[in-house]
PDB file of N, CA and C in Angstrom:
ATOM      1  N   MET A   1     144.335-120.721-275.033  1.00  0.00           N
ATOM      2  CA  MET A   1     144.832-121.957-274.299  1.00  0.00           C
ATOM      3  C   MET A   1     145.604-121.285-273.155  1.00  0.00           C
ATOM      4  N   LEU A   2     145.264-121.435-272.024  1.00  0.00           N
ATOM      5  CA  LEU A   2     145.996-121.187-270.806  1.00  0.00           C
ATOM      6  C   LEU A   2     146.853-122.258-270.214  1.00  0.00           C
ATOM      7  N   THR A   3     148.068-122.000-269.999  1.00  0.00           N
ATOM      8  CA  THR A   3     148.915-123.067-269.401  1.00  0.00           C
ATOM      9  C   THR A   3     149.841-122.345-268.383  1.00  0.00           C
ATOM     10  N   THR A   4     149.865-122.867-267.377  1.00  0.00           N
ATOM     11  CA  THR A   4     150.735-122.246-266.300  1.00  0.00           C
ATOM     12  C   THR A   4     151.620-123.247-265.502  1.00  0.00           C
ATOM     13  N   ASP A   5     152.766-122.747-264.869  1.00  0.00           N
ATOM     14  CA  ASP A   5     153.582-123.768-264.216  1.00  0.00           C
ATOM     15  C   ASP A   5     154.107-122.967-263.020  1.00  0.00           C
ATOM     16  N   THR A   6     153.489-122.869-261.882  1.00  0.00           N
ATOM     17  CA  THR A   6     153.977-122.154-260.652  1.00  0.00           C
ATOM     18  C   THR A   6     154.606-123.144-259.734  1.00  0.00           C
ATOM     19  N   ALA A   7     155.909-123.165-259.776  1.00  0.00           N
ATOM     20  CA  ALA A   7     156.696-124.121-258.958  1.00  0.00           C
ATOM     21  C   ALA A   7     156.297-125.643-259.267  1.00  0.00           C
ATOM     22  N   SER A   8     156.317-126.058-260.518  1.00  0.00           N
ATOM     23  CA  SER A   8     155.793-127.449-260.929  1.00  0.00           C
ATOM     24  C   SER A   8     154.439-127.751-260.712  1.00  0.00           C
ATOM     25  N   ARG A   9     153.593-126.801-260.464  1.00  0.00           N
ATOM     26  CA  ARG A   9     152.111-127.153-260.323  1.00  0.00           C
ATOM     27  C   ARG A   9     151.441-126.836-261.542  1.00  0.00           C
ATOM     28  N   ALA A  10     151.690-127.436-262.700  1.00  0.00           N
ATOM     29  CA  ALA A  10     151.222-127.124-263.993  1.00  0.00           C
ATOM     30  C   ALA A  10     149.724-127.440-264.006  1.00  0.00           C
ATOM     31  N   MET A  11     149.061-126.595-264.891  1.00  0.00           N
ATOM     32  CA  MET A  11     147.644-126.658-265.092  1.00  0.00           C
ATOM     33  C   MET A  11     147.255-126.184-266.364  1.00  0.00           C
ATOM     34  N   SER A  12     146.600-127.029-267.187  1.00  0.00           N
ATOM     35  CA  SER A  12     146.097-126.474-268.472  1.00  0.00           C
ATOM     36  C   SER A  12     144.814-125.750-268.215  1.00  0.00           C
ATOM     37  N   PHE A  13     144.326-125.044-269.262  1.00  0.00           N
ATOM     38  CA  PHE A  13     142.991-124.319-269.163  1.00  0.00           C
ATOM     39  C   PHE A  13     141.922-125.207-268.874  1.00  0.00           C
ATOM     40  N   ASP A  14     141.893-126.260-269.560  1.00  0.00           N
ATOM     41  CA  ASP A  14     140.789-127.329-269.378  1.00  0.00           C
ATOM     42  C   ASP A  14     140.654-127.883-267.993  1.00  0.00           C
ATOM     43  N   GLU A  15     141.801-128.091-267.325  1.00  0.00           N
ATOM     44  CA  GLU A  15     141.878-128.448-265.956  1.00  0.00           C
ATOM     45  C   GLU A  15     141.415-127.360-265.012  1.00  0.00           C
ATOM     46  N   PHE A  16     141.789-126.229-265.295  1.00  0.00           N
ATOM     47  CA  PHE A  16     141.356-125.018-264.489  1.00  0.00           C
ATOM     48  C   PHE A  16     139.812-124.918-264.545  1.00  0.00           C
ATOM     49  N   VAL A  17     139.239-124.953-265.748  1.00  0.00           N
ATOM     50  CA  VAL A  17     137.885-124.803-265.851  1.00  0.00           C
ATOM     51  C   VAL A  17     137.055-125.824-265.113  1.00  0.00           C
ATOM     52  N   GLU A  18     137.466-127.175-265.219  1.00  0.00           N
ATOM     53  CA  GLU A  18     136.900-128.211-264.547  1.00  0.00           C
ATOM     54  C   GLU A  18     136.893-128.094-263.062  1.00  0.00           C
ATOM     55  N   VAL A  19     138.083-127.633-262.538  1.00  0.00           N
ATOM     56  CA  VAL A  19     138.204-127.308-261.082  1.00  0.00           C
ATOM     57  C   VAL A  19     137.240-126.143-260.618  1.00  0.00           C
ATOM     58  N   ALA A  20     137.348-125.142-261.347  1.00  0.00           N
ATOM     59  CA  ALA A  20     136.505-123.916-261.096  1.00  0.00           C
ATOM     60  C   ALA A  20     134.984-124.365-261.158  1.00  0.00           C
ATOM     61  N   ASP A  21     134.537-125.172-262.183  1.00  0.00           N
ATOM     62  CA  ASP A  21     133.115-125.617-262.145  1.00  0.00           C
ATOM     63  C   ASP A  21     132.788-126.349-260.939  1.00  0.00           C
ATOM     64  N   THR A  22     133.637-127.390-260.663  1.00  0.00           N
ATOM     65  CA  THR A  22     133.254-128.149-259.389  1.00  0.00           C
ATOM     66  C   THR A  22     133.115-127.351-258.080  1.00  0.00           C
ATOM     67  N   VAL A  23     134.070-126.361-257.974  1.00  0.00           N
ATOM     68  CA  VAL A  23     133.956-125.388-256.750  1.00  0.00           C
ATOM     69  C   VAL A  23     132.718-124.669-256.737  1.00  0.00           C
ATOM     70  N   VAL A  24     132.235-124.161-257.995  1.00  0.00           N
ATOM     71  CA  VAL A  24     130.976-123.354-258.011  1.00  0.00           C
ATOM     72  C   VAL A  24     129.786-124.379-257.607  1.00  0.00           C
ATOM     73  N   ILE A  25     129.874-125.572-258.198  1.00  0.00           N
ATOM     74  CA  ILE A  25     128.728-126.483-257.940  1.00  0.00           C
ATOM     75  C   ILE A  25     128.694-126.816-256.447  1.00  0.00           C
ATOM     76  N   GLU A  26     129.741-127.206-255.937  1.00  0.00           N
ATOM     77  CA  GLU A  26     129.841-127.517-254.418  1.00  0.00           C
ATOM     78  C   GLU A  26     129.312-126.386-253.572  1.00  0.00           C
ATOM     79  N   ASP A  27     129.811-125.127-253.860  1.00  0.00           N
ATOM     80  CA  ASP A  27     129.302-123.921-253.108  1.00  0.00           C
ATOM     81  C   ASP A  27     127.718-123.771-253.192  1.00  0.00           C
ATOM     82  N   ALA A  28     127.158-123.989-254.288  1.00  0.00           N
ATOM     83  CA  ALA A  28     125.867-123.730-254.467  1.00  0.00           C
ATOM     84  C   ALA A  28     125.065-125.074-253.742  1.00  0.00           C
ATOM     85  N   TYR A  29     125.637-126.136-253.729  1.00  0.00           N
ATOM     86  CA  TYR A  29     125.118-127.326-253.130  1.00  0.00           C
ATOM     87  C   TYR A  29     125.193-127.145-251.702  1.00  0.00           C
ATOM     88  N   LYS A  30     126.165-126.543-251.089  1.00  0.00           N
ATOM     89  CA  LYS A  30     126.258-126.265-249.708  1.00  0.00           C
ATOM     90  C   LYS A  30     125.248-125.230-249.180  1.00  0.00           C
ATOM     91  N   ARG A  31     125.029-124.260-250.142  1.00  0.00           N
ATOM     92  CA  ARG A  31     124.058-123.163-249.752  1.00  0.00           C
ATOM     93  C   ARG A  31     122.597-123.799-249.679  1.00  0.00           C
ATOM     94  N   VAL A  32     122.358-124.642-250.718  1.00  0.00           N
ATOM     95  CA  VAL A  32     120.944-125.325-250.729  1.00  0.00           C
ATOM     96  C   VAL A  32     120.829-126.277-249.541  1.00  0.00           C
ATOM     97  N   ALA A  33     121.948-127.028-249.108  1.00  0.00           N
ATOM     98  CA  ALA A  33     121.900-127.942-248.058  1.00  0.00           C
ATOM     99  C   ALA A  33     121.615-127.102-246.772  1.00  0.00           C
ATOM    100  N   ARG A  34     121.927-125.946-246.534  1.00  0.00           N
ATOM    101  CA  ARG A  34     121.670-125.145-245.401  1.00  0.00           C
ATOM    102  C   ARG A  34     120.153-124.830-245.316  1.00  0.00           C
ATOM    103  N   VAL A  35     119.518-124.678-246.430  1.00  0.00           N
ATOM    104  CA  VAL A  35     118.095-124.376-246.628  1.00  0.00           C
ATOM    105  C   VAL A  35     117.324-125.532-246.329  1.00  0.00           C
ATOM    106  N   ILE A  36     117.560-126.679-247.032  1.00  0.00           N
ATOM    107  CA  ILE A  36     116.775-127.937-246.846  1.00  0.00           C
ATOM    108  C   ILE A  36     117.293-128.912-245.837  1.00  0.00           C
ATOM    109  N   SER A  37     118.336-128.663-245.313  1.00  0.00           N
ATOM    110  CA  SER A  37     118.945-129.517-244.155  1.00  0.00           C
ATOM    111  C   SER A  37     120.214-130.301-245.017  1.00  0.00           C
ATOM    112  N   ALA A  38     121.275-130.421-244.322  1.00  0.00           N
ATOM    113  CA  ALA A  38     122.284-131.262-244.759  1.00  0.00           C
ATOM    114  C   ALA A  38     122.140-132.619-245.022  1.00  0.00           C
ATOM    115  N   ASP A  39     121.270-133.147-244.155  1.00  0.00           N
ATOM    116  CA  ASP A  39     120.964-134.714-244.240  1.00  0.00           C
ATOM    117  C   ASP A  39     120.124-134.862-245.400  1.00  0.00           C
ATOM    118  N   LEU A  40     119.158-134.166-245.681  1.00  0.00           N
ATOM    119  CA  LEU A  40     118.237-134.322-246.822  1.00  0.00           C
ATOM    120  C   LEU A  40     119.095-134.168-248.063  1.00  0.00           C
ATOM    121  N   ALA A  41     119.881-133.066-248.247  1.00  0.00           N
ATOM    122  CA  ALA A  41     120.643-132.742-249.459  1.00  0.00           C
ATOM    123  C   ALA A  41     121.560-133.942-249.727  1.00  0.00           C
ATOM    124  N   ARG A  42     122.204-134.494-248.675  1.00  0.00           N
ATOM    125  CA  ARG A  42     123.190-135.719-248.768  1.00  0.00           C
ATOM    126  C   ARG A  42     122.389-136.931-249.226  1.00  0.00           C
ATOM    127  N   THR A  43     121.328-137.290-248.452  1.00  0.00           N
ATOM    128  CA  THR A  43     120.624-138.510-248.993  1.00  0.00           C
ATOM    129  C   THR A  43     120.020-138.393-250.364  1.00  0.00           C
ATOM    130  N   TYR A  44     119.442-137.375-250.532  1.00  0.00           N
ATOM    131  CA  TYR A  44     118.835-137.113-252.069  1.00  0.00           C
ATOM    132  C   TYR A  44     119.911-137.244-253.023  1.00  0.00           C
ATOM    133  N   SER A  45     120.986-136.621-252.873  1.00  0.00           N
ATOM    134  CA  SER A  45     122.118-136.598-253.798  1.00  0.00           C
ATOM    135  C   SER A  45     122.617-138.053-253.993  1.00  0.00           C
ATOM    136  N   GLU A  46     122.638-138.784-252.906  1.00  0.00           N
ATOM    137  CA  GLU A  46     123.161-140.158-252.905  1.00  0.00           C
ATOM    138  C   GLU A  46     122.214-141.002-253.622  1.00  0.00           C
ATOM    139  N   TYR A  47     120.944-140.811-253.418  1.00  0.00           N
ATOM    140  CA  TYR A  47     119.925-141.386-254.097  1.00  0.00           C
ATOM    141  C   TYR A  47     119.913-141.257-255.654  1.00  0.00           C
ATOM    142  N   LEU A  48     120.060-139.954-256.033  1.00  0.00           N
ATOM    143  CA  LEU A  48     120.257-139.617-257.521  1.00  0.00           C
ATOM    144  C   LEU A  48     121.531-140.268-258.121  1.00  0.00           C
ATOM    145  N   ALA A  49     122.646-140.161-257.346  1.00  0.00           N
ATOM    146  CA  ALA A  49     123.871-140.745-257.893  1.00  0.00           C
ATOM    147  C   ALA A  49     123.767-142.325-258.011  1.00  0.00           C
ATOM    148  N   ASP A  50     123.077-142.825-257.081  1.00  0.00           N
ATOM    149  CA  ASP A  50     122.944-144.370-257.265  1.00  0.00           C
ATOM    150  C   ASP A  50     122.104-144.780-258.455  1.00  0.00           C
ATOM    151  N   LYS A  51     121.089-143.912-258.820  1.00  0.00           N
ATOM    152  CA  LYS A  51     120.262-144.160-260.046  1.00  0.00           C
ATOM    153  C   LYS A  51     120.962-143.970-261.348  1.00  0.00           C
ATOM    154  N   ASP A  52     121.998-142.989-261.313  1.00  0.00           N
ATOM    155  CA  ASP A  52     122.759-142.582-262.515  1.00  0.00           C
ATOM    156  C   ASP A  52     123.727-143.641-262.977  1.00  0.00           C
ATOM    157  N   THR A  53     123.246-144.330-264.021  1.00  0.00           N
ATOM    158  CA  THR A  53     124.174-145.335-264.557  1.00  0.00           C
ATOM    159  C   THR A  53     125.030-144.915-265.781  1.00  0.00           C
ATOM    160  N   GLU A  54     124.914-143.727-266.174  1.00  0.00           N
ATOM    161  CA  GLU A  54     125.489-143.210-267.314  1.00  0.00           C
ATOM    162  C   GLU A  54     126.884-142.453-266.961  1.00  0.00           C
ATOM    163  N   LYS A  55     127.094-142.114-265.783  1.00  0.00           N
ATOM    164  CA  LYS A  55     128.325-141.418-265.400  1.00  0.00           C
ATOM    165  C   LYS A  55     129.519-142.443-265.139  1.00  0.00           C
ATOM    166  N   ASP A  56     130.699-142.030-265.292  1.00  0.00           N
ATOM    167  CA  ASP A  56     131.908-142.975-264.976  1.00  0.00           C
ATOM    168  C   ASP A  56     132.344-142.958-263.624  1.00  0.00           C
ATOM    169  N   GLY A  57     131.541-143.504-262.774  1.00  0.00           N
ATOM    170  CA  GLY A  57     131.927-143.533-261.385  1.00  0.00           C
ATOM    171  C   GLY A  57     131.044-142.773-260.444  1.00  0.00           C
ATOM    172  N   LYS A  58     131.236-143.001-259.154  1.00  0.00           N
ATOM    173  CA  LYS A  58     130.422-142.382-258.091  1.00  0.00           C
ATOM    174  C   LYS A  58     130.620-140.870-257.904  1.00  0.00           C
ATOM    175  N   VAL A  59     131.875-140.539-258.181  1.00  0.00           N
ATOM    176  CA  VAL A  59     132.129-139.108-257.877  1.00  0.00           C
ATOM    177  C   VAL A  59     131.459-138.247-258.994  1.00  0.00           C
ATOM    178  N   GLU A  60     131.559-138.579-260.257  1.00  0.00           N
ATOM    179  CA  GLU A  60     130.834-137.966-261.295  1.00  0.00           C
ATOM    180  C   GLU A  60     129.360-137.997-261.163  1.00  0.00           C
ATOM    181  N   ALA A  61     128.949-139.104-260.607  1.00  0.00           N
ATOM    182  CA  ALA A  61     127.355-139.155-260.511  1.00  0.00           C
ATOM    183  C   ALA A  61     127.086-138.129-259.195  1.00  0.00           C
ATOM    184  N   LEU A  62     127.770-138.049-258.295  1.00  0.00           N
ATOM    185  CA  LEU A  62     127.479-137.182-257.124  1.00  0.00           C
ATOM    186  C   LEU A  62     127.578-135.756-257.574  1.00  0.00           C
ATOM    187  N   ILE A  63     128.509-135.306-258.430  1.00  0.00           N
ATOM    188  CA  ILE A  63     128.702-133.994-258.858  1.00  0.00           C
ATOM    189  C   ILE A  63     127.500-133.635-259.616  1.00  0.00           C
ATOM    190  N   GLU A  64     126.979-134.529-260.519  1.00  0.00           N
ATOM    191  CA  GLU A  64     125.787-134.398-261.303  1.00  0.00           C
ATOM    192  C   GLU A  64     124.583-134.252-260.457  1.00  0.00           C
ATOM    193  N   ALA A  65     124.562-134.992-259.345  1.00  0.00           N
ATOM    194  CA  ALA A  65     123.343-134.892-258.467  1.00  0.00           C
ATOM    195  C   ALA A  65     123.521-133.689-257.637  1.00  0.00           C
ATOM    196  N   HIS A  66     124.484-133.148-257.354  1.00  0.00           N
ATOM    197  CA  HIS A  66     124.725-131.828-256.633  1.00  0.00           C
ATOM    198  C   HIS A  66     124.169-130.719-257.695  1.00  0.00           C
ATOM    199  N   THR A  67     124.459-130.899-258.888  1.00  0.00           N
ATOM    200  CA  THR A  67     124.071-129.876-259.870  1.00  0.00           C
ATOM    201  C   THR A  67     122.398-129.918-259.943  1.00  0.00           C
ATOM    202  N   VAL A  68     122.009-131.018-260.047  1.00  0.00           N
ATOM    203  CA  VAL A  68     120.463-131.094-259.972  1.00  0.00           C
ATOM    204  C   VAL A  68     119.850-130.502-258.713  1.00  0.00           C
ATOM    205  N   ILE A  69     120.455-130.742-257.655  1.00  0.00           N
ATOM    206  CA  ILE A  69     119.909-130.116-256.332  1.00  0.00           C
ATOM    207  C   ILE A  69     120.035-128.693-256.313  1.00  0.00           C
ATOM    208  N   ASP A  70     121.093-128.232-256.942  1.00  0.00           N
ATOM    209  CA  ASP A  70     121.348-126.835-256.910  1.00  0.00           C
ATOM    210  C   ASP A  70     120.303-126.001-257.869  1.00  0.00           C
ATOM    211  N   SER A  71     119.670-126.793-258.703  1.00  0.00           N
ATOM    212  CA  SER A  71     118.771-126.065-259.756  1.00  0.00           C
ATOM    213  C   SER A  71     117.649-125.540-259.150  1.00  0.00           C
TER     214      SER A  71
END
């Protein structure tokens, strides 16, 4: 278990892993968007997110869609 408090910016290990995973997903998504075009990547990820009824909200659905596009 990793816990840190750098000038009251506490973060647990789970929060760190979640943030790190999101950064990696978004980096890969941006690289793909440069290849297929930013507009195509954006509209396709929005399409996938709108179809995803299992996620808790639009943000989670978009992250999952970005993961699919990265694959």
